[in-house]
N, C-alpha and C. Protein backbone atom coordinates (compact mmCIF):
# COMPACT_ATOMS: atom_id res chain seq x y z
N MET A 1 -6.63 -13.95 28.27
CA MET A 1 -7.47 -14.73 29.40
C MET A 1 -6.55 -15.38 30.24
N ALA A 2 -6.59 -15.29 31.49
CA ALA A 2 -5.70 -15.92 32.51
C ALA A 2 -5.87 -17.29 32.74
N GLU A 3 -4.96 -18.09 33.32
CA GLU A 3 -5.05 -19.45 33.70
C GLU A 3 -6.24 -19.64 34.62
N ASN A 4 -6.83 -20.90 34.64
CA ASN A 4 -7.78 -21.17 35.57
C ASN A 4 -9.06 -20.18 35.72
N LEU A 5 -9.37 -19.77 34.62
CA LEU A 5 -10.63 -19.00 34.30
C LEU A 5 -11.58 -19.60 33.45
N SER A 6 -12.78 -19.06 33.43
CA SER A 6 -13.83 -19.56 32.34
C SER A 6 -14.34 -18.40 31.66
N ALA A 7 -14.75 -18.52 30.39
CA ALA A 7 -15.43 -17.54 29.56
C ALA A 7 -16.35 -18.29 28.57
N SER A 8 -17.45 -17.52 28.24
CA SER A 8 -18.48 -18.02 27.36
C SER A 8 -18.29 -17.60 26.09
N TYR A 9 -18.34 -18.31 24.98
CA TYR A 9 -18.33 -18.00 23.62
C TYR A 9 -19.50 -18.31 22.80
N LYS A 10 -19.94 -17.50 21.76
CA LYS A 10 -21.11 -17.78 21.06
C LYS A 10 -20.77 -18.02 19.64
N ALA A 11 -21.65 -18.82 18.96
CA ALA A 11 -21.61 -19.13 17.59
C ALA A 11 -22.86 -18.54 17.01
N ILE A 12 -22.68 -17.77 16.00
CA ILE A 12 -23.71 -16.98 15.32
C ILE A 12 -23.68 -17.39 13.74
N ALA A 13 -24.78 -17.85 13.34
CA ALA A 13 -25.05 -18.25 11.98
C ALA A 13 -25.46 -16.90 11.11
N TYR A 14 -24.92 -16.61 10.06
CA TYR A 14 -25.34 -15.58 9.19
C TYR A 14 -25.84 -16.12 8.03
N TYR A 15 -26.97 -15.73 7.58
CA TYR A 15 -27.77 -16.23 6.33
C TYR A 15 -27.76 -15.17 5.06
N ASP A 16 -27.84 -15.69 3.95
CA ASP A 16 -27.83 -14.85 2.75
C ASP A 16 -29.00 -13.68 2.81
N ASN A 17 -30.03 -13.94 3.54
CA ASN A 17 -31.00 -12.76 3.69
C ASN A 17 -30.72 -11.78 4.78
N ASN A 18 -29.43 -11.83 5.15
CA ASN A 18 -29.14 -10.88 6.28
C ASN A 18 -29.71 -11.18 7.64
N SER A 19 -30.25 -12.29 7.87
CA SER A 19 -30.70 -12.62 9.16
C SER A 19 -29.58 -13.43 9.88
N THR A 20 -29.72 -13.57 11.33
CA THR A 20 -28.74 -14.30 11.97
C THR A 20 -29.50 -15.17 13.00
N ARG A 21 -28.73 -16.27 13.49
CA ARG A 21 -29.28 -17.09 14.60
C ARG A 21 -28.13 -17.62 15.43
N ASP A 22 -28.53 -17.65 16.71
CA ASP A 22 -27.57 -18.03 17.70
C ASP A 22 -27.52 -19.56 17.60
N VAL A 23 -26.52 -20.19 17.19
CA VAL A 23 -26.41 -21.66 17.19
C VAL A 23 -25.33 -22.13 18.16
N THR A 24 -25.05 -21.39 19.27
CA THR A 24 -24.09 -21.81 20.18
C THR A 24 -24.29 -23.21 20.76
N ASN A 25 -25.40 -23.47 21.14
CA ASN A 25 -25.75 -24.89 21.77
C ASN A 25 -25.89 -25.96 20.55
N SER A 26 -25.85 -25.77 19.28
CA SER A 26 -25.96 -26.66 18.17
C SER A 26 -24.44 -26.87 17.68
N ALA A 27 -23.55 -25.99 17.82
CA ALA A 27 -22.34 -25.97 17.18
C ALA A 27 -21.41 -27.14 17.85
N LEU A 28 -20.54 -27.59 17.17
CA LEU A 28 -19.50 -28.51 17.68
C LEU A 28 -18.25 -27.65 18.10
N TRP A 29 -17.81 -27.72 19.44
CA TRP A 29 -16.85 -26.88 19.89
C TRP A 29 -15.54 -27.77 20.18
N VAL A 30 -14.47 -27.30 19.86
CA VAL A 30 -13.15 -27.94 20.07
C VAL A 30 -12.12 -26.90 20.35
N VAL A 31 -11.14 -27.21 21.29
CA VAL A 31 -10.11 -26.25 21.62
C VAL A 31 -8.75 -27.10 21.37
N GLU A 32 -7.82 -26.48 20.70
CA GLU A 32 -6.57 -27.12 20.33
C GLU A 32 -5.49 -26.18 20.78
N PRO A 33 -4.41 -26.65 21.47
CA PRO A 33 -4.30 -27.94 22.15
C PRO A 33 -5.09 -27.94 23.43
N ASN A 34 -5.66 -29.19 23.67
CA ASN A 34 -6.46 -29.26 24.89
C ASN A 34 -5.75 -29.51 26.07
N THR A 35 -4.33 -29.43 26.04
CA THR A 35 -3.58 -29.38 27.23
C THR A 35 -3.68 -28.12 27.99
N TYR A 36 -3.95 -26.98 27.42
CA TYR A 36 -4.13 -25.74 28.13
C TYR A 36 -5.44 -25.23 28.33
N ALA A 37 -6.52 -25.90 27.81
CA ALA A 37 -7.82 -25.34 28.20
C ALA A 37 -8.82 -26.49 27.66
N SER A 38 -9.88 -26.40 28.05
CA SER A 38 -11.11 -27.24 27.69
C SER A 38 -12.27 -26.54 27.23
N ILE A 39 -13.16 -26.98 26.44
CA ILE A 39 -14.43 -26.24 26.15
C ILE A 39 -15.60 -27.14 26.03
N ASN A 40 -16.79 -26.86 26.60
CA ASN A 40 -17.83 -27.80 26.63
C ASN A 40 -18.74 -27.56 25.50
N GLU A 41 -19.83 -28.15 25.45
CA GLU A 41 -20.79 -28.20 24.40
C GLU A 41 -21.57 -27.01 24.22
N ASN A 42 -21.47 -26.08 25.18
CA ASN A 42 -22.30 -24.82 25.23
C ASN A 42 -21.28 -23.66 24.98
N GLY A 43 -20.06 -23.86 24.61
CA GLY A 43 -19.09 -22.84 24.34
C GLY A 43 -18.35 -22.28 25.36
N VAL A 44 -18.41 -22.89 26.69
CA VAL A 44 -17.74 -22.35 27.84
C VAL A 44 -16.27 -22.91 27.84
N LEU A 45 -15.42 -21.95 27.70
CA LEU A 45 -14.02 -22.30 27.77
C LEU A 45 -13.48 -22.19 29.06
N THR A 46 -12.61 -23.22 29.68
CA THR A 46 -12.05 -23.07 30.94
C THR A 46 -10.54 -23.40 30.67
N THR A 47 -9.79 -22.52 31.22
CA THR A 47 -8.24 -22.52 30.99
C THR A 47 -7.72 -23.31 32.24
N LYS A 48 -6.57 -23.91 31.94
CA LYS A 48 -5.95 -24.79 32.96
C LYS A 48 -4.69 -24.19 33.38
N ASP A 49 -3.90 -24.87 34.37
CA ASP A 49 -2.70 -24.28 34.87
C ASP A 49 -1.59 -24.21 33.82
N VAL A 50 -1.07 -23.19 33.69
CA VAL A 50 0.11 -23.06 32.68
C VAL A 50 1.33 -22.42 33.45
N VAL A 51 2.53 -22.71 33.15
CA VAL A 51 3.66 -22.11 33.82
C VAL A 51 4.17 -21.09 33.10
N LYS A 52 3.85 -20.89 31.84
CA LYS A 52 4.15 -19.68 31.11
C LYS A 52 2.99 -19.42 30.09
N HIS A 53 3.15 -18.21 29.39
CA HIS A 53 2.00 -17.81 28.60
C HIS A 53 1.82 -18.79 27.29
N ARG A 54 0.68 -19.21 27.08
CA ARG A 54 0.41 -20.22 25.89
C ARG A 54 -0.72 -19.65 25.02
N SER A 55 -0.75 -20.19 23.95
CA SER A 55 -1.93 -19.87 22.95
C SER A 55 -2.66 -21.15 22.63
N ALA A 56 -4.02 -20.94 22.37
CA ALA A 56 -4.82 -22.06 22.00
C ALA A 56 -5.78 -21.48 20.96
N THR A 57 -6.35 -22.38 20.25
CA THR A 57 -7.42 -22.10 19.08
C THR A 57 -8.70 -22.63 19.48
N ILE A 58 -9.62 -21.89 19.53
CA ILE A 58 -11.08 -22.31 19.66
C ILE A 58 -11.69 -22.56 18.25
N LEU A 59 -12.21 -23.98 18.06
CA LEU A 59 -12.89 -24.07 16.75
C LEU A 59 -14.32 -24.46 16.95
N ALA A 60 -15.21 -23.80 16.19
CA ALA A 60 -16.54 -24.10 16.08
C ALA A 60 -17.11 -24.52 14.79
N SER A 61 -17.78 -25.56 14.66
CA SER A 61 -18.45 -25.91 13.45
C SER A 61 -19.91 -26.05 13.66
N TYR A 62 -20.72 -25.73 12.52
CA TYR A 62 -22.11 -25.75 12.56
C TYR A 62 -22.56 -26.36 11.10
N THR A 63 -23.58 -27.42 11.28
CA THR A 63 -23.97 -28.01 10.13
C THR A 63 -25.50 -27.75 9.98
N GLU A 64 -25.94 -27.31 8.84
CA GLU A 64 -27.34 -27.09 8.62
C GLU A 64 -27.65 -27.61 7.25
N GLY A 65 -28.33 -28.79 7.02
CA GLY A 65 -28.63 -29.40 5.89
C GLY A 65 -27.34 -29.96 5.37
N ASP A 66 -27.00 -29.67 4.17
CA ASP A 66 -25.66 -30.18 3.61
C ASP A 66 -24.63 -29.19 3.62
N VAL A 67 -24.78 -28.07 4.30
CA VAL A 67 -23.85 -27.05 4.41
C VAL A 67 -23.15 -27.06 5.95
N THR A 68 -21.88 -27.18 5.98
CA THR A 68 -21.09 -26.93 7.31
C THR A 68 -20.19 -25.59 7.30
N VAL A 69 -20.35 -24.89 8.17
CA VAL A 69 -19.56 -23.72 8.39
C VAL A 69 -18.63 -23.76 9.67
N GLU A 70 -17.38 -23.24 9.42
CA GLU A 70 -16.44 -23.51 10.54
C GLU A 70 -15.81 -22.03 10.79
N ALA A 71 -15.55 -21.70 12.09
CA ALA A 71 -14.89 -20.53 12.53
C ALA A 71 -13.86 -20.87 13.61
N GLU A 72 -12.88 -20.10 13.65
CA GLU A 72 -11.83 -20.26 14.71
C GLU A 72 -11.47 -18.94 15.25
N LYS A 73 -11.04 -18.95 16.45
CA LYS A 73 -10.37 -17.75 17.26
C LYS A 73 -9.26 -18.32 18.11
N THR A 74 -8.14 -17.58 18.07
CA THR A 74 -6.88 -17.81 18.75
C THR A 74 -6.96 -17.05 20.01
N ILE A 75 -6.73 -17.59 21.13
CA ILE A 75 -6.65 -16.74 22.35
C ILE A 75 -5.27 -16.99 23.12
N ASP A 76 -4.83 -16.06 23.89
CA ASP A 76 -3.72 -16.23 24.70
C ASP A 76 -4.06 -16.51 26.13
N ILE A 77 -3.39 -17.57 26.63
CA ILE A 77 -3.65 -17.98 28.04
C ILE A 77 -2.58 -17.47 28.93
N LEU A 78 -2.79 -16.61 29.78
CA LEU A 78 -1.68 -15.92 30.57
C LEU A 78 -1.36 -16.62 31.93
N ALA A 79 -0.13 -16.93 32.13
CA ALA A 79 0.24 -17.58 33.36
C ALA A 79 0.36 -16.47 34.45
N ILE A 80 -0.26 -16.76 35.58
CA ILE A 80 -0.23 -15.90 36.72
C ILE A 80 1.26 -15.86 37.26
N CYS A 81 1.69 -14.71 37.68
CA CYS A 81 2.96 -14.60 38.08
C CYS A 81 3.31 -15.63 39.18
N PRO A 82 4.48 -16.45 38.97
CA PRO A 82 4.79 -17.43 39.82
C PRO A 82 5.54 -16.82 41.10
N ILE A 83 5.41 -17.51 42.30
CA ILE A 83 6.16 -17.06 43.43
C ILE A 83 7.65 -17.01 43.17
N GLY A 84 8.07 -15.78 43.62
CA GLY A 84 9.59 -15.63 43.60
C GLY A 84 9.87 -14.53 42.37
N THR A 85 8.90 -14.23 41.66
CA THR A 85 9.21 -13.38 40.52
C THR A 85 8.34 -11.99 40.65
N ALA A 86 7.62 -11.85 41.81
CA ALA A 86 6.80 -10.59 41.91
C ALA A 86 7.46 -9.77 43.01
N LEU A 87 6.96 -8.42 43.01
CA LEU A 87 7.26 -7.50 44.10
C LEU A 87 6.24 -7.57 45.10
N ARG A 88 6.59 -7.37 46.32
CA ARG A 88 5.60 -7.45 47.43
C ARG A 88 5.70 -6.02 48.15
N PHE A 89 4.55 -5.32 48.35
CA PHE A 89 4.72 -4.06 49.00
C PHE A 89 3.81 -4.10 50.30
N ASP A 90 4.29 -3.44 51.18
CA ASP A 90 3.56 -3.58 52.67
C ASP A 90 2.33 -2.61 52.79
N GLY A 91 2.09 -1.83 51.85
CA GLY A 91 0.90 -1.08 51.85
C GLY A 91 1.03 0.32 52.64
N VAL A 92 2.24 0.39 53.09
CA VAL A 92 2.50 1.73 54.07
C VAL A 92 3.27 2.60 53.38
N ASP A 93 4.58 2.17 53.02
CA ASP A 93 5.56 3.18 52.36
C ASP A 93 6.48 2.55 51.40
N ASP A 94 6.07 1.34 50.87
CA ASP A 94 6.88 0.63 49.78
C ASP A 94 6.31 1.12 48.37
N TYR A 95 7.36 1.36 47.61
CA TYR A 95 7.00 1.69 46.24
C TYR A 95 8.25 1.56 45.39
N VAL A 96 8.11 1.65 43.94
CA VAL A 96 9.19 1.76 43.05
C VAL A 96 9.09 3.03 42.43
N ASP A 97 10.27 3.79 42.57
CA ASP A 97 10.27 5.23 41.83
C ASP A 97 11.19 5.27 40.68
N PHE A 98 10.66 5.44 39.54
CA PHE A 98 11.38 5.48 38.27
C PHE A 98 12.17 6.88 38.20
N SER A 99 11.85 7.80 38.86
CA SER A 99 12.48 9.07 38.99
C SER A 99 12.33 9.97 37.69
N ARG A 100 11.47 9.52 36.78
CA ARG A 100 11.41 10.23 35.58
C ARG A 100 10.13 9.72 34.93
N ASN A 101 9.65 10.57 33.94
CA ASN A 101 8.42 10.08 33.23
C ASN A 101 8.91 8.85 32.30
N ILE A 102 8.07 7.84 32.53
CA ILE A 102 8.13 6.61 31.68
C ILE A 102 7.53 6.64 30.42
N ILE A 103 6.19 7.18 30.51
CA ILE A 103 5.38 7.42 29.38
C ILE A 103 5.40 8.63 28.79
N THR A 104 5.91 8.97 27.58
CA THR A 104 6.10 10.25 27.01
C THR A 104 5.33 10.32 25.65
N THR A 105 4.52 9.35 25.39
CA THR A 105 3.78 9.29 24.09
C THR A 105 2.28 9.56 24.43
N LYS A 106 1.50 9.80 23.36
CA LYS A 106 0.02 9.91 23.53
C LYS A 106 -0.70 8.64 23.52
N GLU A 107 0.00 7.62 22.99
CA GLU A 107 -0.65 6.23 22.96
C GLU A 107 0.28 5.26 23.62
N PHE A 108 -0.29 4.46 24.49
CA PHE A 108 0.49 3.48 25.36
C PHE A 108 -0.57 2.31 25.87
N THR A 109 0.23 1.37 26.46
CA THR A 109 -0.51 0.33 27.17
C THR A 109 0.21 0.02 28.45
N ILE A 110 -0.55 -0.20 29.50
CA ILE A 110 0.06 -0.62 30.69
C ILE A 110 -0.54 -1.90 31.10
N SER A 111 0.11 -2.95 31.50
CA SER A 111 -0.39 -4.17 31.95
C SER A 111 0.39 -4.78 33.05
N ALA A 112 -0.30 -5.35 34.12
CA ALA A 112 0.43 -5.85 35.25
C ALA A 112 -0.41 -6.90 35.90
N TRP A 113 0.27 -7.99 36.37
CA TRP A 113 -0.47 -8.87 37.33
C TRP A 113 -0.38 -8.21 38.80
N ALA A 114 -1.48 -8.32 39.51
CA ALA A 114 -1.58 -7.78 40.83
C ALA A 114 -2.51 -8.45 41.85
N ASN A 115 -2.04 -8.55 43.06
CA ASN A 115 -2.84 -9.14 44.10
C ASN A 115 -2.84 -8.23 45.35
N HIS A 116 -4.03 -7.53 45.62
CA HIS A 116 -4.00 -6.65 46.76
C HIS A 116 -4.51 -7.51 47.88
N TYR A 117 -3.82 -7.17 49.11
CA TYR A 117 -4.06 -7.89 50.36
C TYR A 117 -5.09 -7.33 51.31
N GLY A 118 -5.24 -6.08 50.95
CA GLY A 118 -6.15 -5.22 51.91
C GLY A 118 -6.27 -3.84 51.54
N LEU A 119 -7.13 -3.00 52.21
CA LEU A 119 -7.27 -1.61 52.05
C LEU A 119 -6.06 -0.88 52.36
N PRO A 120 -5.59 0.01 51.51
CA PRO A 120 -4.29 0.69 51.99
C PRO A 120 -4.68 1.96 52.89
N GLY A 121 -3.81 2.46 53.53
CA GLY A 121 -4.10 3.60 54.43
C GLY A 121 -4.19 5.01 53.77
N GLY A 122 -4.30 6.09 54.45
CA GLY A 122 -4.40 7.43 53.92
C GLY A 122 -5.87 7.94 53.96
N SER A 123 -6.02 9.16 53.71
CA SER A 123 -7.28 9.77 53.54
C SER A 123 -8.04 9.37 52.26
N SER A 124 -7.26 9.07 51.31
CA SER A 124 -7.90 8.66 49.98
C SER A 124 -7.38 7.40 49.58
N PRO A 125 -7.71 6.27 50.20
CA PRO A 125 -6.94 5.00 49.96
C PRO A 125 -7.13 4.56 48.38
N VAL A 126 -5.83 4.33 47.88
CA VAL A 126 -5.87 3.82 46.53
C VAL A 126 -4.65 2.75 46.50
N ASN A 127 -5.05 1.52 46.04
CA ASN A 127 -4.07 0.47 45.79
C ASN A 127 -3.58 0.62 44.26
N ALA A 128 -2.67 1.36 44.16
CA ALA A 128 -2.02 1.79 42.72
C ALA A 128 -1.14 0.77 42.20
N ILE A 129 -1.24 0.23 41.07
CA ILE A 129 -0.23 -0.48 40.32
C ILE A 129 0.79 0.42 39.70
N PHE A 130 0.24 1.40 38.96
CA PHE A 130 1.08 2.33 38.21
C PHE A 130 0.60 3.79 38.32
N GLN A 131 1.41 4.67 38.63
CA GLN A 131 0.94 6.18 38.67
C GLN A 131 2.07 7.12 38.07
N GLN A 132 1.70 7.77 37.18
CA GLN A 132 2.81 8.91 36.68
C GLN A 132 1.88 10.24 36.71
N ARG A 133 2.33 11.16 37.41
CA ARG A 133 1.55 12.43 37.58
C ARG A 133 2.53 13.61 37.78
N ASP A 134 1.95 14.74 37.64
CA ASP A 134 2.60 16.07 37.88
C ASP A 134 1.62 16.82 38.74
N ASP A 135 2.08 17.05 40.04
CA ASP A 135 1.22 17.73 41.05
C ASP A 135 1.46 19.19 40.93
N ALA A 136 2.28 19.75 40.06
CA ALA A 136 2.67 21.25 40.20
C ALA A 136 1.49 21.94 39.60
N SER A 137 0.49 22.06 40.39
CA SER A 137 -0.65 22.88 39.96
C SER A 137 -1.33 23.66 41.07
N GLN A 138 -1.76 24.79 40.81
CA GLN A 138 -2.31 25.58 41.82
C GLN A 138 -3.85 25.41 42.02
N ALA A 139 -4.31 24.48 41.26
CA ALA A 139 -5.78 24.17 41.28
C ALA A 139 -6.11 22.99 42.17
N GLY A 140 -5.26 22.38 42.76
CA GLY A 140 -5.43 21.27 43.61
C GLY A 140 -5.58 19.96 42.98
N TYR A 141 -5.36 19.82 41.79
CA TYR A 141 -5.21 18.54 41.03
C TYR A 141 -4.12 18.40 40.11
N ALA A 142 -3.72 17.09 39.69
CA ALA A 142 -2.67 16.94 38.98
C ALA A 142 -2.73 17.60 37.60
N GLN A 143 -1.60 18.21 36.96
CA GLN A 143 -1.60 18.72 35.68
C GLN A 143 -1.71 17.75 34.69
N SER A 144 -0.97 16.41 34.92
CA SER A 144 -1.08 15.26 34.17
C SER A 144 -1.16 14.03 34.97
N LEU A 145 -1.89 13.06 34.60
CA LEU A 145 -2.11 11.91 35.40
C LEU A 145 -2.26 10.64 34.59
N ILE A 146 -1.54 9.64 34.88
CA ILE A 146 -2.00 8.32 34.39
C ILE A 146 -1.95 7.28 35.72
N LEU A 147 -3.07 6.67 35.89
CA LEU A 147 -3.30 5.87 37.08
C LEU A 147 -3.97 4.51 36.75
N LEU A 148 -3.39 3.50 37.14
CA LEU A 148 -3.95 2.03 37.12
C LEU A 148 -3.96 1.68 38.46
N ALA A 149 -5.12 1.11 39.00
CA ALA A 149 -5.35 0.90 40.42
C ALA A 149 -6.23 -0.33 40.56
N THR A 150 -5.81 -1.26 41.46
CA THR A 150 -6.88 -2.41 41.86
C THR A 150 -7.89 -1.93 42.64
N GLU A 151 -7.73 -0.83 43.44
CA GLU A 151 -8.68 -0.37 44.30
C GLU A 151 -8.62 1.11 44.31
N TYR A 152 -9.95 1.70 44.47
CA TYR A 152 -9.97 3.19 44.45
C TYR A 152 -11.29 3.65 45.32
N PRO A 153 -11.26 4.67 45.93
CA PRO A 153 -12.42 5.05 46.66
C PRO A 153 -13.83 4.83 45.93
N GLY A 154 -14.77 4.15 46.54
CA GLY A 154 -15.88 3.63 45.98
C GLY A 154 -15.86 2.10 45.70
N ASP A 155 -14.81 1.54 46.12
CA ASP A 155 -14.75 0.10 45.81
C ASP A 155 -14.71 -0.23 44.35
N TYR A 156 -13.85 0.50 43.66
CA TYR A 156 -13.68 0.14 42.17
C TYR A 156 -12.21 0.03 41.92
N ALA A 157 -12.07 -0.91 40.82
CA ALA A 157 -10.74 -0.87 40.17
C ALA A 157 -10.80 0.25 39.13
N THR A 158 -9.64 0.84 38.75
CA THR A 158 -9.79 2.04 37.99
C THR A 158 -8.66 2.32 37.10
N ALA A 159 -8.89 2.93 36.04
CA ALA A 159 -7.85 3.42 35.09
C ALA A 159 -8.16 4.99 35.01
N ILE A 160 -7.31 5.86 35.07
CA ILE A 160 -7.55 7.31 34.93
C ILE A 160 -6.39 8.03 33.95
N ILE A 161 -6.86 8.82 33.19
CA ILE A 161 -6.00 9.66 32.41
C ILE A 161 -6.15 11.01 32.27
N ARG A 162 -5.28 11.88 32.47
CA ARG A 162 -5.37 13.38 32.14
C ARG A 162 -4.04 13.75 31.45
N SER A 163 -4.17 14.22 30.35
CA SER A 163 -3.04 14.62 29.54
C SER A 163 -2.58 16.14 30.04
N SER A 164 -1.47 16.45 29.69
CA SER A 164 -1.00 17.96 29.95
C SER A 164 -1.80 19.05 29.21
N GLY A 165 -1.70 20.22 29.66
CA GLY A 165 -2.31 21.21 29.19
C GLY A 165 -3.83 21.55 29.52
N GLY A 166 -4.15 21.26 30.69
CA GLY A 166 -5.46 21.47 31.22
C GLY A 166 -6.57 20.46 30.59
N SER A 167 -6.28 19.35 30.25
CA SER A 167 -7.22 18.43 29.76
C SER A 167 -8.14 18.07 30.90
N SER A 168 -9.37 17.60 30.44
CA SER A 168 -10.27 17.03 31.51
C SER A 168 -9.92 15.56 31.78
N THR A 169 -10.22 15.13 33.02
CA THR A 169 -9.85 13.91 33.57
C THR A 169 -10.80 12.79 32.98
N GLN A 170 -10.33 11.63 32.60
CA GLN A 170 -11.25 10.59 32.07
C GLN A 170 -10.93 9.35 33.10
N ARG A 171 -12.03 8.67 33.54
CA ARG A 171 -11.88 7.67 34.52
C ARG A 171 -12.81 6.37 33.96
N LEU A 172 -12.13 5.27 34.03
CA LEU A 172 -12.73 4.05 33.74
C LEU A 172 -12.91 3.16 35.05
N THR A 173 -14.03 2.43 35.27
CA THR A 173 -14.06 1.80 36.47
C THR A 173 -14.70 0.39 36.39
N TYR A 174 -14.43 -0.38 37.35
CA TYR A 174 -14.99 -1.75 37.45
C TYR A 174 -15.13 -2.27 38.97
N PRO A 175 -16.15 -2.88 39.44
CA PRO A 175 -16.07 -3.38 40.85
C PRO A 175 -14.76 -4.16 41.11
N LYS A 176 -14.17 -3.73 42.26
CA LYS A 176 -12.87 -4.27 42.56
C LYS A 176 -12.99 -5.78 42.68
N LYS A 177 -11.87 -6.53 42.54
CA LYS A 177 -11.82 -7.95 42.76
C LYS A 177 -11.53 -8.23 44.34
N ASN A 178 -11.79 -9.34 44.68
CA ASN A 178 -11.60 -9.90 46.00
C ASN A 178 -10.12 -9.69 46.40
N TYR A 179 -9.80 -9.43 47.70
CA TYR A 179 -8.51 -9.40 48.27
C TYR A 179 -7.97 -11.02 48.02
N ASP A 180 -6.56 -10.94 48.12
CA ASP A 180 -5.83 -12.31 48.04
C ASP A 180 -6.21 -12.99 46.72
N GLU A 181 -6.37 -12.46 45.52
CA GLU A 181 -6.52 -13.04 44.31
C GLU A 181 -5.64 -12.36 43.32
N TRP A 182 -5.11 -13.13 42.49
CA TRP A 182 -4.23 -12.70 41.41
C TRP A 182 -5.18 -12.32 40.17
N HIS A 183 -5.00 -11.01 39.62
CA HIS A 183 -5.68 -10.72 38.44
C HIS A 183 -4.72 -9.88 37.60
N GLN A 184 -5.10 -9.79 36.26
CA GLN A 184 -4.22 -9.05 35.42
C GLN A 184 -5.12 -7.82 35.06
N TYR A 185 -4.38 -6.72 35.22
CA TYR A 185 -5.07 -5.39 34.86
C TYR A 185 -4.36 -4.67 33.86
N SER A 186 -5.15 -4.21 32.87
CA SER A 186 -4.41 -3.45 31.72
C SER A 186 -5.26 -2.22 31.28
N MET A 187 -4.68 -1.15 30.83
CA MET A 187 -5.09 0.04 30.27
C MET A 187 -4.56 0.27 29.03
N THR A 188 -5.29 0.58 27.94
CA THR A 188 -4.84 0.97 26.68
C THR A 188 -5.36 2.24 26.11
N VAL A 189 -4.48 3.12 25.66
CA VAL A 189 -4.97 4.48 25.13
C VAL A 189 -4.32 4.53 23.71
N ASP A 190 -5.23 4.63 22.81
CA ASP A 190 -4.73 4.84 21.39
C ASP A 190 -5.51 6.25 20.95
N SER A 191 -5.41 6.27 19.55
CA SER A 191 -5.81 7.62 19.00
C SER A 191 -7.29 7.81 19.10
N THR A 192 -8.06 6.69 19.39
CA THR A 192 -9.52 6.83 19.39
C THR A 192 -10.08 6.41 20.65
N ASP A 193 -9.59 5.38 21.34
CA ASP A 193 -10.26 4.95 22.51
C ASP A 193 -9.40 4.77 23.71
N PHE A 194 -10.03 4.74 24.84
CA PHE A 194 -9.36 4.52 26.15
C PHE A 194 -10.12 3.28 26.81
N THR A 195 -9.30 2.16 27.02
CA THR A 195 -9.89 0.95 27.34
C THR A 195 -9.32 0.38 28.62
N PHE A 196 -10.10 -0.21 29.43
CA PHE A 196 -9.73 -0.93 30.65
C PHE A 196 -10.13 -2.51 30.69
N TYR A 197 -9.09 -3.28 30.86
CA TYR A 197 -9.24 -4.63 30.80
C TYR A 197 -8.88 -5.31 32.23
N ILE A 198 -9.58 -6.30 32.52
CA ILE A 198 -9.19 -7.17 33.74
C ILE A 198 -9.25 -8.67 33.29
N ASP A 199 -8.18 -9.32 33.45
CA ASP A 199 -8.02 -10.66 33.09
C ASP A 199 -8.21 -10.87 31.60
N GLY A 200 -7.77 -9.92 30.80
CA GLY A 200 -7.93 -9.97 29.47
C GLY A 200 -9.40 -9.69 28.91
N VAL A 201 -10.26 -9.32 29.68
CA VAL A 201 -11.67 -9.01 29.36
C VAL A 201 -11.83 -7.44 29.38
N GLU A 202 -12.34 -6.95 28.32
CA GLU A 202 -12.67 -5.51 28.44
C GLU A 202 -13.86 -5.36 29.31
N VAL A 203 -13.64 -4.43 30.37
CA VAL A 203 -14.69 -4.21 31.23
C VAL A 203 -15.24 -2.65 31.11
N ASP A 204 -14.44 -1.82 30.58
CA ASP A 204 -14.97 -0.44 30.40
C ASP A 204 -14.22 0.27 29.34
N ARG A 205 -14.92 1.13 28.44
CA ARG A 205 -14.16 1.86 27.38
C ARG A 205 -14.99 3.12 27.17
N THR A 206 -14.15 4.15 26.73
CA THR A 206 -14.69 5.29 26.32
C THR A 206 -13.80 5.98 25.25
N SER A 207 -14.40 7.06 24.50
CA SER A 207 -13.45 7.68 23.59
C SER A 207 -12.32 8.40 24.18
N ASN A 208 -11.19 8.40 23.74
CA ASN A 208 -10.00 9.14 24.06
C ASN A 208 -10.16 10.59 23.74
N ASN A 209 -10.40 11.55 24.80
CA ASN A 209 -10.59 12.90 24.62
C ASN A 209 -9.23 13.62 24.88
N GLN A 210 -8.19 12.99 25.11
CA GLN A 210 -6.86 13.67 25.45
C GLN A 210 -6.22 14.13 24.21
N ALA A 211 -5.80 15.37 24.21
CA ALA A 211 -5.22 15.95 22.98
C ALA A 211 -3.69 16.03 22.99
N ARG A 212 -3.04 15.87 24.15
CA ARG A 212 -1.60 15.99 24.35
C ARG A 212 -0.98 14.71 25.06
N ASP A 213 0.32 14.81 25.18
CA ASP A 213 0.94 13.88 25.79
C ASP A 213 0.88 13.96 27.48
N TYR A 214 1.59 13.15 28.22
CA TYR A 214 1.44 13.07 29.64
C TYR A 214 2.77 13.52 30.41
N VAL A 215 3.45 14.45 29.73
CA VAL A 215 4.62 14.94 30.21
C VAL A 215 4.35 16.58 30.47
N THR A 216 4.57 17.08 31.59
CA THR A 216 4.37 18.35 31.93
C THR A 216 5.72 19.14 32.39
């Protein structure tokens, strides 16, 4: 979870008869240390300014009769990239070229902080954070593709994968964030799932149907 954001947490009581009850508003909420975040009586956590990545622990306790139950969850609070440590692109012809395939495995994670300032040019405007592709195809599409973008046609942030060997393309989307805002975008591909995160929150997921790696 990034700095200066809020997220809601729930407390659920589980009983011996297999029933459950939402006790979010009855629980006692604490976050430690409270120098990095605060949490109110309804389980709403708000992170504070941090100059580097920090960790905090959310504690919830609930008492019913003479029984008190406690639970905790550790969260990572991510510092937004400070001025002077980011790359700035003009949206016209600026990019970083690695000149070779960076991702050569079937499982991987890509994560980056990004702030898009406006719609890019071109017939198919895409604000790409990371792209690895092989266009050597007679069919008019990439033979293999990995794309993480803050903006894609249709006003969506997106994560796309297509492994080598004629696999079908899989796309995850979420409504794009406002311009001139820093957000963290992440995509994770493992043996079973393909997942898209924004600001540490899962926004879309599907089964990973890719059978090969991303090198052609």
